[in-house]
Amino acid sequence: MIGATALGLNRLVVMGIVLTISTAALARADFELRQVQTRLEASQYFLNARVDFNPSEDALEALDNGVPLTVVFHLQIRRTKAWLWEDSLLDLQLRYAVRYKPLSERYEVYRLPGTKGKDFVTRDAAIRALGELRDIALVSQGALEPEQDYELQMKAFLDIEELPLPLRPTAYLKPSWKLSSGWSKWPLTP
């Protein structure tokens, strides 16, 4: 009898864990690299990208209470199958921020460094605009060896270091603040 009760209890615990993991997966807040396109124009490579940013409830609450959120787009161009110690042809970090301006009841998206940006009436529109990268200059065609294959690597993440100091300890400890797309790769051919 005791064995059957313990077995039933174990099943309940396992089902609870599975349900918790499933719920967490459904409510996942993160970045997703949707569209990444490079083009060659006038001997210069340019990037257009669409990144979907699904902020956590904690991040949205902070934004609505006046805390700017900084997103970093980290771009690298490397030789395909390069050794870890090889230098990248490009190692670029683009920093964008979104903030709420309570007096005008608008959200502003701007590139850092700088403070001048574009205003949006809704939070959703501002967050969508935050993930739009257009005409970002990468490398010149002459910097690439014609017989070599190259790849563009990209990652997007929420920069916790840019949060106000009192909020950082919470952000370090809570998974809902550790938002990142992880690295993705695309071929870049000269």
C-alpha atoms as a PDB file:
ATOM      1  CA  MET A   1       0.000   0.000   0.000  1.00  0.00           C
ATOM      2  CA  ILE A   2       2.797   2.388   0.874  1.00  0.00           C
ATOM      3  CA  GLY A   3       4.555   1.584  -2.411  1.00  0.00           C
ATOM      4  CA  ALA A   4       1.429   2.419  -4.426  1.00  0.00           C
ATOM      5  CA  THR A   5       1.006   5.738  -2.586  1.00  0.00           C
ATOM      6  CA  ALA A   6       4.646   6.663  -3.191  1.00  0.00           C
ATOM      7  CA  LEU A   7       4.302   5.727  -6.861  1.00  0.00           C
ATOM      8  CA  GLY A   8       1.189   7.906  -7.203  1.00  0.00           C
ATOM      9  CA  LEU A   9       2.956  10.788  -5.458  1.00  0.00           C
ATOM     10  CA  ASN A  10       5.947  10.458  -7.798  1.00  0.00           C
ATOM     11  CA  ARG A  11       3.632  10.610 -10.801  1.00  0.00           C
ATOM     12  CA  LEU A  12       1.987  13.769  -9.468  1.00  0.00           C
ATOM     13  CA  VAL A  13       5.376  15.402  -8.921  1.00  0.00           C
ATOM     14  CA  VAL A  14       6.526  14.485 -12.443  1.00  0.00           C
ATOM     15  CA  MET A  15       3.271  15.777 -13.951  1.00  0.00           C
ATOM     16  CA  GLY A  16       3.650  19.025 -11.996  1.00  0.00           C
ATOM     17  CA  ILE A  17       7.186  19.502 -13.296  1.00  0.00           C
ATOM     18  CA  VAL A  18       6.121  18.812 -16.890  1.00  0.00           C
ATOM     19  CA  LEU A  19       3.213  21.257 -16.559  1.00  0.00           C
ATOM     20  CA  THR A  20       5.507  23.934 -15.124  1.00  0.00           C
ATOM     21  CA  ILE A  21       8.049  23.494 -17.924  1.00  0.00           C
ATOM     22  CA  SER A  22       5.305  23.535 -20.571  1.00  0.00           C
ATOM     23  CA  THR A  23       3.779  26.713 -19.149  1.00  0.00           C
ATOM     24  CA  ALA A  24       7.188  28.383 -19.013  1.00  0.00           C
ATOM     25  CA  ALA A  25       7.869  27.423 -22.627  1.00  0.00           C
ATOM     26  CA  LEU A  26       4.551  28.877 -23.787  1.00  0.00           C
ATOM     27  CA  ALA A  27       5.121  32.145 -21.936  1.00  0.00           C
ATOM     28  CA  ARG A  28       8.735  32.444 -23.125  1.00  0.00           C
ATOM     29  CA  ALA A  29      10.020  35.958 -23.495  1.00  0.00           C
ATOM     30  CA  ASP A  30      12.949  36.357 -25.827  1.00  0.00           C
ATOM     31  CA  PHE A  31      14.311  37.570 -29.150  1.00  0.00           C
ATOM     32  CA  GLU A  32      13.792  35.773 -32.434  1.00  0.00           C
ATOM     33  CA  LEU A  33      15.755  36.618 -35.576  1.00  0.00           C
ATOM     34  CA  ARG A  34      13.052  36.494 -38.269  1.00  0.00           C
ATOM     35  CA  GLN A  35      14.505  37.929 -41.469  1.00  0.00           C
ATOM     36  CA  VAL A  36      18.134  38.679 -42.158  1.00  0.00           C
ATOM     37  CA  GLN A  37      19.171  39.862 -45.606  1.00  0.00           C
ATOM     38  CA  THR A  38      22.458  41.197 -46.889  1.00  0.00           C
ATOM     39  CA  ARG A  39      22.952  42.966 -50.172  1.00  0.00           C
ATOM     40  CA  LEU A  40      25.929  44.257 -52.120  1.00  0.00           C
ATOM     41  CA  GLU A  41      25.541  47.825 -53.320  1.00  0.00           C
ATOM     42  CA  ALA A  42      28.344  50.026 -54.674  1.00  0.00           C
ATOM     43  CA  SER A  43      31.008  47.574 -53.379  1.00  0.00           C
ATOM     44  CA  GLN A  44      29.582  47.716 -49.833  1.00  0.00           C
ATOM     45  CA  TYR A  45      27.608  45.040 -47.982  1.00  0.00           C
ATOM     46  CA  PHE A  46      24.469  46.202 -46.170  1.00  0.00           C
ATOM     47  CA  LEU A  47      22.197  44.438 -43.692  1.00  0.00           C
ATOM     48  CA  ASN A  48      18.426  44.521 -43.304  1.00  0.00           C
ATOM     49  CA  ALA A  49      17.000  42.473 -40.449  1.00  0.00           C
ATOM     50  CA  ARG A  50      13.763  41.874 -38.607  1.00  0.00           C
ATOM     51  CA  VAL A  51      14.055  40.777 -34.995  1.00  0.00           C
ATOM     52  CA  ASP A  52      10.965  39.952 -32.959  1.00  0.00           C
ATOM     53  CA  PHE A  53      11.329  41.067 -29.349  1.00  0.00           C
ATOM     54  CA  ASN A  54       8.939  39.396 -26.913  1.00  0.00           C
ATOM     55  CA  PRO A  55       9.718  41.111 -23.605  1.00  0.00           C
ATOM     56  CA  SER A  56       8.868  39.529 -20.291  1.00  0.00           C
ATOM     57  CA  GLU A  57       6.154  40.972 -18.064  1.00  0.00           C
ATOM     58  CA  ASP A  58       8.886  42.293 -15.755  1.00  0.00           C
ATOM     59  CA  ALA A  59      10.570  44.159 -18.615  1.00  0.00           C
ATOM     60  CA  LEU A  60       7.250  45.594 -19.841  1.00  0.00           C
ATOM     61  CA  GLU A  61       6.335  46.750 -16.341  1.00  0.00           C
ATOM     62  CA  ALA A  62       9.707  48.462 -15.978  1.00  0.00           C
ATOM     63  CA  LEU A  63       9.303  50.143 -19.386  1.00  0.00           C
ATOM     64  CA  ASP A  64       5.815  51.397 -18.511  1.00  0.00           C
ATOM     65  CA  ASN A  65       7.242  52.853 -15.297  1.00  0.00           C
ATOM     66  CA  GLY A  66       9.896  54.899 -17.086  1.00  0.00           C
ATOM     67  CA  VAL A  67      12.849  52.490 -17.184  1.00  0.00           C
ATOM     68  CA  PRO A  68      14.520  52.543 -20.620  1.00  0.00           C
ATOM     69  CA  LEU A  69      15.313  49.122 -22.096  1.00  0.00           C
ATOM     70  CA  THR A  70      18.515  48.810 -24.129  1.00  0.00           C
ATOM     71  CA  VAL A  71      18.824  46.156 -26.816  1.00  0.00           C
ATOM     72  CA  VAL A  72      22.174  45.201 -28.340  1.00  0.00           C
ATOM     73  CA  PHE A  73      22.500  43.717 -31.819  1.00  0.00           C
ATOM     74  CA  HIS A  74      25.923  42.053 -32.011  1.00  0.00           C
ATOM     75  CA  LEU A  75      27.139  41.453 -35.578  1.00  0.00           C
ATOM     76  CA  GLN A  76      30.248  39.583 -36.679  1.00  0.00           C
ATOM     77  CA  ILE A  77      31.611  38.654 -40.075  1.00  0.00           C
ATOM     78  CA  ARG A  78      34.060  35.790 -39.970  1.00  0.00           C
ATOM     79  CA  ARG A  79      35.634  33.382 -42.368  1.00  0.00           C
ATOM     80  CA  THR A  80      33.560  30.195 -42.559  1.00  0.00           C
ATOM     81  CA  LYS A  81      35.120  27.495 -40.363  1.00  0.00           C
ATOM     82  CA  ALA A  82      37.494  30.045 -38.829  1.00  0.00           C
ATOM     83  CA  TRP A  83      39.496  29.056 -35.776  1.00  0.00           C
ATOM     84  CA  LEU A  84      38.342  30.545 -32.480  1.00  0.00           C
ATOM     85  CA  TRP A  85      41.417  32.766 -32.216  1.00  0.00           C
ATOM     86  CA  GLU A  86      41.043  34.262 -35.696  1.00  0.00           C
ATOM     87  CA  ASP A  87      39.961  37.887 -35.793  1.00  0.00           C
ATOM     88  CA  SER A  88      36.576  38.828 -37.188  1.00  0.00           C
ATOM     89  CA  LEU A  89      36.433  41.078 -40.244  1.00  0.00           C
ATOM     90  CA  LEU A  90      33.597  42.884 -38.494  1.00  0.00           C
ATOM     91  CA  ASP A  91      32.681  42.965 -34.818  1.00  0.00           C
ATOM     92  CA  LEU A  92      29.942  45.543 -34.380  1.00  0.00           C
ATOM     93  CA  GLN A  93      27.510  46.198 -31.553  1.00  0.00           C
ATOM     94  CA  LEU A  94      24.482  48.313 -32.405  1.00  0.00           C
ATOM     95  CA  ARG A  95      22.709  49.655 -29.334  1.00  0.00           C
ATOM     96  CA  TYR A  96      19.087  50.788 -29.395  1.00  0.00           C
ATOM     97  CA  ALA A  97      16.822  51.839 -26.543  1.00  0.00           C
ATOM     98  CA  VAL A  98      13.106  52.194 -26.009  1.00  0.00           C
ATOM     99  CA  ARG A  99      11.660  54.407 -23.296  1.00  0.00           C
ATOM    100  CA  TYR A 100       8.289  55.680 -22.180  1.00  0.00           C
ATOM    101  CA  LYS A 101       7.757  59.447 -21.980  1.00  0.00           C
ATOM    102  CA  PRO A 102       4.875  59.974 -19.524  1.00  0.00           C
ATOM    103  CA  LEU A 103       4.242  63.665 -20.294  1.00  0.00           C
ATOM    104  CA  SER A 104       3.528  62.987 -23.955  1.00  0.00           C
ATOM    105  CA  GLU A 105       2.264  59.430 -23.286  1.00  0.00           C
ATOM    106  CA  ARG A 106       4.464  58.140 -26.100  1.00  0.00           C
ATOM    107  CA  TYR A 107       7.217  55.592 -26.495  1.00  0.00           C
ATOM    108  CA  GLU A 108      10.498  56.562 -28.105  1.00  0.00           C
ATOM    109  CA  VAL A 109      13.003  54.308 -29.882  1.00  0.00           C
ATOM    110  CA  TYR A 110      16.490  55.730 -30.383  1.00  0.00           C
ATOM    111  CA  ARG A 111      20.003  54.583 -31.234  1.00  0.00           C
ATOM    112  CA  LEU A 112      22.766  54.941 -28.669  1.00  0.00           C
ATOM    113  CA  PRO A 113      24.789  57.011 -28.242  1.00  0.00           C
ATOM    114  CA  GLY A 114      22.244  59.739 -28.712  1.00  0.00           C
ATOM    115  CA  THR A 115      18.853  60.718 -27.448  1.00  0.00           C
ATOM    116  CA  LYS A 116      16.928  61.743 -30.562  1.00  0.00           C
ATOM    117  CA  GLY A 117      14.650  59.053 -31.864  1.00  0.00           C
ATOM    118  CA  LYS A 118      11.252  58.260 -33.266  1.00  0.00           C
ATOM    119  CA  ASP A 119       8.036  58.454 -31.220  1.00  0.00           C
ATOM    120  CA  PHE A 120       5.267  55.846 -31.178  1.00  0.00           C
ATOM    121  CA  VAL A 121       1.766  56.020 -29.751  1.00  0.00           C
ATOM    122  CA  THR A 122       1.681  52.412 -28.558  1.00  0.00           C
ATOM    123  CA  ARG A 123       4.165  50.235 -26.755  1.00  0.00           C
ATOM    124  CA  ASP A 124       3.693  47.407 -29.279  1.00  0.00           C
ATOM    125  CA  ALA A 125       4.547  49.692 -32.206  1.00  0.00           C
ATOM    126  CA  ALA A 126       7.698  50.886 -30.432  1.00  0.00           C
ATOM    127  CA  ILE A 127       8.803  47.331 -29.664  1.00  0.00           C
ATOM    128  CA  ARG A 128       8.221  46.284 -33.292  1.00  0.00           C
ATOM    129  CA  ALA A 129      10.291  49.271 -34.483  1.00  0.00           C
ATOM    130  CA  LEU A 130      13.057  48.331 -32.059  1.00  0.00           C
ATOM    131  CA  GLY A 131      13.591  45.126 -34.038  1.00  0.00           C
ATOM    132  CA  GLU A 132      13.861  46.778 -37.469  1.00  0.00           C
ATOM    133  CA  LEU A 133      17.434  47.156 -38.738  1.00  0.00           C
ATOM    134  CA  ARG A 134      17.681  48.908 -42.103  1.00  0.00           C
ATOM    135  CA  ASP A 135      20.664  49.675 -44.328  1.00  0.00           C
ATOM    136  CA  ILE A 136      23.356  48.860 -41.774  1.00  0.00           C
ATOM    137  CA  ALA A 137      26.766  49.123 -43.479  1.00  0.00           C
ATOM    138  CA  LEU A 138      28.837  45.997 -42.862  1.00  0.00           C
ATOM    139  CA  VAL A 139      32.099  45.631 -44.825  1.00  0.00           C
ATOM    140  CA  SER A 140      33.375  46.661 -48.211  1.00  0.00           C
ATOM    141  CA  GLN A 141      33.613  44.011 -50.900  1.00  0.00           C
ATOM    142  CA  GLY A 142      37.363  44.624 -51.139  1.00  0.00           C
ATOM    143  CA  ALA A 143      37.848  43.444 -47.532  1.00  0.00           C
ATOM    144  CA  LEU A 144      36.734  39.925 -48.498  1.00  0.00           C
ATOM    145  CA  GLU A 145      38.998  37.460 -50.292  1.00  0.00           C
ATOM    146  CA  PRO A 146      37.246  36.298 -53.498  1.00  0.00           C
ATOM    147  CA  GLU A 147      38.039  32.585 -53.038  1.00  0.00           C
ATOM    148  CA  GLN A 148      37.015  32.508 -49.375  1.00  0.00           C
ATOM    149  CA  ASP A 149      33.602  31.812 -47.808  1.00  0.00           C
ATOM    150  CA  TYR A 150      32.338  34.107 -45.066  1.00  0.00           C
ATOM    151  CA  GLU A 151      29.415  34.109 -42.676  1.00  0.00           C
ATOM    152  CA  LEU A 152      27.459  36.774 -40.869  1.00  0.00           C
ATOM    153  CA  GLN A 153      26.803  35.944 -37.225  1.00  0.00           C
ATOM    154  CA  MET A 154      24.158  37.859 -35.315  1.00  0.00           C
ATOM    155  CA  LYS A 155      22.801  37.910 -31.794  1.00  0.00           C
ATOM    156  CA  ALA A 156      20.289  40.223 -30.078  1.00  0.00           C
ATOM    157  CA  PHE A 157      19.999  40.637 -26.310  1.00  0.00           C
ATOM    158  CA  LEU A 158      18.643  42.894 -23.588  1.00  0.00           C
ATOM    159  CA  ASP A 159      21.522  44.750 -21.927  1.00  0.00           C
ATOM    160  CA  ILE A 160      21.022  44.328 -18.185  1.00  0.00           C
ATOM    161  CA  GLU A 161      24.044  46.559 -17.500  1.00  0.00           C
ATOM    162  CA  GLU A 162      22.086  49.565 -18.806  1.00  0.00           C
ATOM    163  CA  LEU A 163      19.266  49.143 -16.291  1.00  0.00           C
ATOM    164  CA  PRO A 164      19.169  51.488 -13.285  1.00  0.00           C
ATOM    165  CA  LEU A 165      21.438  50.278 -10.489  1.00  0.00           C
ATOM    166  CA  PRO A 166      18.636  49.354  -8.023  1.00  0.00           C
ATOM    167  CA  LEU A 167      17.014  47.086 -10.642  1.00  0.00           C
ATOM    168  CA  ARG A 168      20.164  45.211 -11.694  1.00  0.00           C
ATOM    169  CA  PRO A 169      20.371  42.680  -8.820  1.00  0.00           C
ATOM    170  CA  THR A 170      16.820  41.544  -9.579  1.00  0.00           C
ATOM    171  CA  ALA A 171      17.613  41.372 -13.304  1.00  0.00           C
ATOM    172  CA  TYR A 172      20.729  39.271 -12.650  1.00  0.00           C
ATOM    173  CA  LEU A 173      18.762  36.750 -10.594  1.00  0.00           C
ATOM    174  CA  LYS A 174      15.478  36.475 -12.511  1.00  0.00           C
ATOM    175  CA  PRO A 175      15.436  34.520 -15.787  1.00  0.00           C
ATOM    176  CA  SER A 176      12.718  36.843 -17.114  1.00  0.00           C
ATOM    177  CA  TRP A 177      15.394  39.525 -17.632  1.00  0.00           C
ATOM    178  CA  LYS A 178      17.922  37.316 -19.456  1.00  0.00           C
ATOM    179  CA  LEU A 179      16.521  37.850 -22.933  1.00  0.00           C
ATOM    180  CA  SER A 180      18.686  36.767 -25.866  1.00  0.00           C
ATOM    181  CA  SER A 181      18.341  35.275 -29.321  1.00  0.00           C
ATOM    182  CA  GLY A 182      21.562  33.300 -29.182  1.00  0.00           C
ATOM    183  CA  TRP A 183      23.920  33.313 -32.161  1.00  0.00           C
ATOM    184  CA  SER A 184      22.613  32.644 -35.673  1.00  0.00           C
ATOM    185  CA  LYS A 185      24.676  32.372 -38.872  1.00  0.00           C
ATOM    186  CA  TRP A 186      24.073  33.193 -42.536  1.00  0.00           C
ATOM    187  CA  PRO A 187      26.436  32.830 -45.503  1.00  0.00           C
ATOM    188  CA  LEU A 188      28.001  35.997 -46.898  1.00  0.00           C
ATOM    189  CA  THR A 189      29.625  35.421 -50.265  1.00  0.00           C
ATOM    190  CA  PRO A 190      31.848  37.993 -51.979  1.00  0.00           C
END
